[in-house]
Amino acid sequence: MVSVRPDGARLAGLLAAAAEGRLPARVHAVVPLGEVASAHRAVAKGGVRGKYVLQP
């Protein structure tokens, strides 16, 4: 069972940690928003290490 609840203060702390580099994020690729379908297919295929960042 997973239980969640909104916690703005904790989210703000996580955002600050990420901004300061204390919470690293592995980025696989930055892709234009128009290529979101191909990024989604790549993730569904598996083997992607990191996150896709969508660029407007």
PDB file of N, CA and C in Angstrom:
ATOM      1  N   MET A   1       0.836  -1.171   0.000  1.00  0.00           N
ATOM      2  CA  MET A   1       0.000   0.000   0.000  1.00  0.00           C
ATOM      3  C   MET A   1       0.883   1.237   0.000  1.00  0.00           C
ATOM      4  N   VAL A   2       0.563   2.169  -0.831  1.00  0.00           N
ATOM      5  CA  VAL A   2       1.273   3.439  -0.889  1.00  0.00           C
ATOM      6  C   VAL A   2       0.311   4.531  -0.451  1.00  0.00           C
ATOM      7  N   SER A   3       0.773   5.361   0.457  1.00  0.00           N
ATOM      8  CA  SER A   3      -0.049   6.458   0.951  1.00  0.00           C
ATOM      9  C   SER A   3       0.694   7.766   0.694  1.00  0.00           C
ATOM     10  N   VAL A   4       0.001   8.733   0.116  1.00  0.00           N
ATOM     11  CA  VAL A   4       0.620  10.028  -0.167  1.00  0.00           C
ATOM     12  C   VAL A   4      -0.273  11.154   0.330  1.00  0.00           C
ATOM     13  N   ARG A   5       0.355  12.282   0.575  1.00  0.00           N
ATOM     14  CA  ARG A   5      -0.403  13.476   0.943  1.00  0.00           C
ATOM     15  C   ARG A   5       0.413  14.685   0.521  1.00  0.00           C
ATOM     16  N   PRO A   6      -0.242  15.788   0.194  1.00  0.00           N
ATOM     17  CA  PRO A   6       0.482  16.994  -0.208  1.00  0.00           C
ATOM     18  C   PRO A   6       1.354  17.522   0.933  1.00  0.00           C
ATOM     19  N   ASP A   7       2.549  17.955   0.613  1.00  0.00           N
ATOM     20  CA  ASP A   7       3.439  18.510   1.619  1.00  0.00           C
ATOM     21  C   ASP A   7       4.302  19.585   0.951  1.00  0.00           C
ATOM     22  N   GLY A   8       3.761  20.793   0.883  1.00  0.00           N
ATOM     23  CA  GLY A   8       4.431  21.896   0.210  1.00  0.00           C
ATOM     24  C   GLY A   8       5.791  22.221   0.791  1.00  0.00           C
ATOM     25  N   ALA A   9       5.916  22.157   2.108  1.00  0.00           N
ATOM     26  CA  ALA A   9       7.190  22.478   2.749  1.00  0.00           C
ATOM     27  C   ALA A   9       8.272  21.474   2.358  1.00  0.00           C
ATOM     28  N   ARG A  10       7.911  20.215   2.322  1.00  0.00           N
ATOM     29  CA  ARG A  10       8.891  19.185   1.941  1.00  0.00           C
ATOM     30  C   ARG A  10       9.262  19.321   0.466  1.00  0.00           C
ATOM     31  N   LEU A  11       8.278  19.600  -0.369  1.00  0.00           N
ATOM     32  CA  LEU A  11       8.544  19.795  -1.791  1.00  0.00           C
ATOM     33  C   LEU A  11       9.469  20.991  -2.009  1.00  0.00           C
ATOM     34  N   ALA A  12       9.262  22.061  -1.260  1.00  0.00           N
ATOM     35  CA  ALA A  12      10.131  23.237  -1.360  1.00  0.00           C
ATOM     36  C   ALA A  12      11.562  22.882  -0.967  1.00  0.00           C
ATOM     37  N   GLY A  13      11.711  22.042   0.040  1.00  0.00           N
ATOM     38  CA  GLY A  13      13.046  21.595   0.458  1.00  0.00           C
ATOM     39  C   GLY A  13      13.727  20.772  -0.616  1.00  0.00           C
ATOM     40  N   LEU A  14      12.969  19.900  -1.275  1.00  0.00           N
ATOM     41  CA  LEU A  14      13.527  19.092  -2.360  1.00  0.00           C
ATOM     42  C   LEU A  14      13.928  19.974  -3.541  1.00  0.00           C
ATOM     43  N   LEU A  15      13.114  20.961  -3.857  1.00  0.00           N
ATOM     44  CA  LEU A  15      13.427  21.884  -4.942  1.00  0.00           C
ATOM     45  C   LEU A  15      14.707  22.659  -4.635  1.00  0.00           C
ATOM     46  N   ALA A  16      14.841  23.127  -3.403  1.00  0.00           N
ATOM     47  CA  ALA A  16      16.048  23.856  -3.012  1.00  0.00           C
ATOM     48  C   ALA A  16      17.274  22.957  -3.100  1.00  0.00           C
ATOM     49  N   ALA A  17      17.154  21.716  -2.650  1.00  0.00           N
ATOM     50  CA  ALA A  17      18.274  20.780  -2.709  1.00  0.00           C
ATOM     51  C   ALA A  17      18.690  20.512  -4.152  1.00  0.00           C
ATOM     52  N   ALA A  18      17.722  20.376  -5.042  1.00  0.00           N
ATOM     53  CA  ALA A  18      18.034  20.162  -6.455  1.00  0.00           C
ATOM     54  C   ALA A  18      18.704  21.390  -7.044  1.00  0.00           C
ATOM     55  N   ALA A  19      18.216  22.572  -6.717  1.00  0.00           N
ATOM     56  CA  ALA A  19      18.787  23.817  -7.241  1.00  0.00           C
ATOM     57  C   ALA A  19      20.216  24.025  -6.760  1.00  0.00           C
ATOM     58  N   GLU A  20      20.516  23.559  -5.549  1.00  0.00           N
ATOM     59  CA  GLU A  20      21.859  23.713  -4.978  1.00  0.00           C
ATOM     60  C   GLU A  20      22.799  22.589  -5.396  1.00  0.00           C
ATOM     61  N   GLY A  21      22.286  21.608  -6.146  1.00  0.00           N
ATOM     62  CA  GLY A  21      23.126  20.497  -6.587  1.00  0.00           C
ATOM     63  C   GLY A  21      23.287  19.388  -5.566  1.00  0.00           C
ATOM     64  N   ARG A  22      22.539  19.445  -4.475  1.00  0.00           N
ATOM     65  CA  ARG A  22      22.621  18.399  -3.449  1.00  0.00           C
ATOM     66  C   ARG A  22      21.724  17.214  -3.771  1.00  0.00           C
ATOM     67  N   LEU A  23      20.862  17.370  -4.752  1.00  0.00           N
ATOM     68  CA  LEU A  23      19.947  16.312  -5.166  1.00  0.00           C
ATOM     69  C   LEU A  23      20.095  16.168  -6.684  1.00  0.00           C
ATOM     70  N   PRO A  24      21.098  15.419  -7.089  1.00  0.00           N
ATOM     71  CA  PRO A  24      21.380  15.352  -8.531  1.00  0.00           C
ATOM     72  C   PRO A  24      20.280  14.619  -9.296  1.00  0.00           C
ATOM     73  N   ALA A  25      20.107  15.025 -10.525  1.00  0.00           N
ATOM     74  CA  ALA A  25      19.147  14.369 -11.409  1.00  0.00           C
ATOM     75  C   ALA A  25      19.912  13.897 -12.644  1.00  0.00           C
ATOM     76  N   ARG A  26      19.763  12.644 -12.978  1.00  0.00           N
ATOM     77  CA  ARG A  26      20.430  12.095 -14.160  1.00  0.00           C
ATOM     78  C   ARG A  26      19.556  12.406 -15.368  1.00  0.00           C
ATOM     79  N   VAL A  27      20.093  13.162 -16.303  1.00  0.00           N
ATOM     80  CA  VAL A  27      19.363  13.530 -17.510  1.00  0.00           C
ATOM     81  C   VAL A  27      19.872  12.695 -18.672  1.00  0.00           C
ATOM     82  N   HIS A  28      18.976  11.961 -19.291  1.00  0.00           N
ATOM     83  CA  HIS A  28      19.327  11.147 -20.455  1.00  0.00           C
ATOM     84  C   HIS A  28      19.410  12.014 -21.701  1.00  0.00           C
ATOM     85  N   ALA A  29      18.424  12.894 -21.882  1.00  0.00           N
ATOM     86  CA  ALA A  29      18.400  13.745 -23.066  1.00  0.00           C
ATOM     87  C   ALA A  29      17.448  14.904 -22.864  1.00  0.00           C
ATOM     88  N   VAL A  30      17.733  15.991 -23.571  1.00  0.00           N
ATOM     89  CA  VAL A  30      16.829  17.139 -23.634  1.00  0.00           C
ATOM     90  C   VAL A  30      16.240  17.130 -25.036  1.00  0.00           C
ATOM     91  N   VAL A  31      14.917  17.064 -25.116  1.00  0.00           N
ATOM     92  CA  VAL A  31      14.264  16.970 -26.426  1.00  0.00           C
ATOM     93  C   VAL A  31      13.205  18.061 -26.562  1.00  0.00           C
ATOM     94  N   PRO A  32      13.003  18.540 -27.793  1.00  0.00           N
ATOM     95  CA  PRO A  32      11.936  19.523 -28.013  1.00  0.00           C
ATOM     96  C   PRO A  32      10.571  18.907 -27.711  1.00  0.00           C
ATOM     97  N   LEU A  33       9.651  19.721 -27.282  1.00  0.00           N
ATOM     98  CA  LEU A  33       8.316  19.257 -26.928  1.00  0.00           C
ATOM     99  C   LEU A  33       7.661  18.499 -28.085  1.00  0.00           C
ATOM    100  N   GLY A  34       7.970  18.887 -29.311  1.00  0.00           N
ATOM    101  CA  GLY A  34       7.397  18.218 -30.473  1.00  0.00           C
ATOM    102  C   GLY A  34       7.863  16.781 -30.652  1.00  0.00           C
ATOM    103  N   GLU A  35       8.918  16.369 -29.925  1.00  0.00           N
ATOM    104  CA  GLU A  35       9.433  15.005 -30.031  1.00  0.00           C
ATOM    105  C   GLU A  35       9.078  14.152 -28.814  1.00  0.00           C
ATOM    106  N   VAL A  36       8.074  14.588 -28.069  1.00  0.00           N
ATOM    107  CA  VAL A  36       7.705  13.869 -26.853  1.00  0.00           C
ATOM    108  C   VAL A  36       7.270  12.433 -27.150  1.00  0.00           C
ATOM    109  N   ALA A  37       6.636  12.201 -28.289  1.00  0.00           N
ATOM    110  CA  ALA A  37       6.177  10.842 -28.623  1.00  0.00           C
ATOM    111  C   ALA A  37       7.366   9.894 -28.785  1.00  0.00           C
ATOM    112  N   SER A  38       8.436  10.347 -29.439  1.00  0.00           N
ATOM    113  CA  SER A  38       9.598   9.477 -29.615  1.00  0.00           C
ATOM    114  C   SER A  38      10.297   9.229 -28.283  1.00  0.00           C
ATOM    115  N   ALA A  39      10.334  10.231 -27.412  1.00  0.00           N
ATOM    116  CA  ALA A  39      10.917  10.046 -26.085  1.00  0.00           C
ATOM    117  C   ALA A  39      10.093   9.043 -25.284  1.00  0.00           C
ATOM    118  N   HIS A  40       8.786   9.131 -25.383  1.00  0.00           N
ATOM    119  CA  HIS A  40       7.899   8.202 -24.670  1.00  0.00           C
ATOM    120  C   HIS A  40       8.122   6.773 -25.161  1.00  0.00           C
ATOM    121  N   ARG A  41       8.258   6.609 -26.475  1.00  0.00           N
ATOM    122  CA  ARG A  41       8.510   5.267 -27.019  1.00  0.00           C
ATOM    123  C   ARG A  41       9.844   4.718 -26.523  1.00  0.00           C
ATOM    124  N   ALA A  42      10.857   5.554 -26.455  1.00  0.00           N
ATOM    125  CA  ALA A  42      12.170   5.110 -25.981  1.00  0.00           C
ATOM    126  C   ALA A  42      12.105   4.649 -24.529  1.00  0.00           C
ATOM    127  N   VAL A  43      11.389   5.383 -23.702  1.00  0.00           N
ATOM    128  CA  VAL A  43      11.238   5.006 -22.296  1.00  0.00           C
ATOM    129  C   VAL A  43      10.473   3.687 -22.186  1.00  0.00           C
ATOM    130  N   ALA A  44       9.422   3.535 -22.983  1.00  0.00           N
ATOM    131  CA  ALA A  44       8.610   2.308 -22.949  1.00  0.00           C
ATOM    132  C   ALA A  44       9.421   1.094 -23.377  1.00  0.00           C
ATOM    133  N   LYS A  45      10.377   1.284 -24.307  1.00  0.00           N
ATOM    134  CA  LYS A  45      11.237   0.188 -24.748  1.00  0.00           C
ATOM    135  C   LYS A  45      12.151  -0.309 -23.644  1.00  0.00           C
ATOM    136  N   GLY A  46      12.528   0.587 -22.751  1.00  0.00           N
ATOM    137  CA  GLY A  46      13.402   0.215 -21.650  1.00  0.00           C
ATOM    138  C   GLY A  46      14.853   0.535 -21.951  1.00  0.00           C
ATOM    139  N   GLY A  47      15.686   0.426 -20.928  1.00  0.00           N
ATOM    140  CA  GLY A  47      17.096   0.646 -21.074  1.00  0.00           C
ATOM    141  C   GLY A  47      17.537   2.095 -20.983  1.00  0.00           C
ATOM    142  N   VAL A  48      16.616   3.005 -20.752  1.00  0.00           N
ATOM    143  CA  VAL A  48      16.958   4.421 -20.634  1.00  0.00           C
ATOM    144  C   VAL A  48      17.400   4.690 -19.215  1.00  0.00           C
ATOM    145  N   ARG A  49      18.598   5.247 -19.086  1.00  0.00           N
ATOM    146  CA  ARG A  49      19.103   5.595 -17.756  1.00  0.00           C
ATOM    147  C   ARG A  49      19.068   7.108 -17.617  1.00  0.00           C
ATOM    148  N   GLY A  50      18.174   7.592 -16.815  1.00  0.00           N
ATOM    149  CA  GLY A  50      18.020   9.023 -16.645  1.00  0.00           C
ATOM    150  C   GLY A  50      16.666   9.485 -17.140  1.00  0.00           C
ATOM    151  N   LYS A  51      16.466  10.749 -17.060  1.00  0.00           N
ATOM    152  CA  LYS A  51      15.175  11.350 -17.405  1.00  0.00           C
ATOM    153  C   LYS A  51      15.271  12.115 -18.710  1.00  0.00           C
ATOM    154  N   TYR A  52      14.156  12.231 -19.376  1.00  0.00           N
ATOM    155  CA  TYR A  52      14.047  13.099 -20.533  1.00  0.00           C
ATOM    156  C   TYR A  52      13.557  14.454 -20.037  1.00  0.00           C
ATOM    157  N   VAL A  53      14.196  15.504 -20.494  1.00  0.00           N
ATOM    158  CA  VAL A  53      13.772  16.862 -20.168  1.00  0.00           C
ATOM    159  C   VAL A  53      13.132  17.409 -21.432  1.00  0.00           C
ATOM    160  N   LEU A  54      11.888  17.866 -21.316  1.00  0.00           N
ATOM    161  CA  LEU A  54      11.179  18.411 -22.468  1.00  0.00           C
ATOM    162  C   LEU A  54      11.410  19.902 -22.542  1.00  0.00           C
ATOM    163  N   GLN A  55      11.829  20.360 -23.704  1.00  0.00           N
ATOM    164  CA  GLN A  55      12.118  21.779 -23.908  1.00  0.00           C
ATOM    165  C   GLN A  55      11.002  22.398 -24.737  1.00  0.00           C
ATOM    166  N   PRO A  56      10.318  23.423 -24.182  1.00  0.00           N
ATOM    167  CA  PRO A  56       9.235  24.050 -24.929  1.00  0.00           C
ATOM    168  C   PRO A  56       9.725  24.757 -26.181  1.00  0.00           C
TER     169      PRO A  56
END
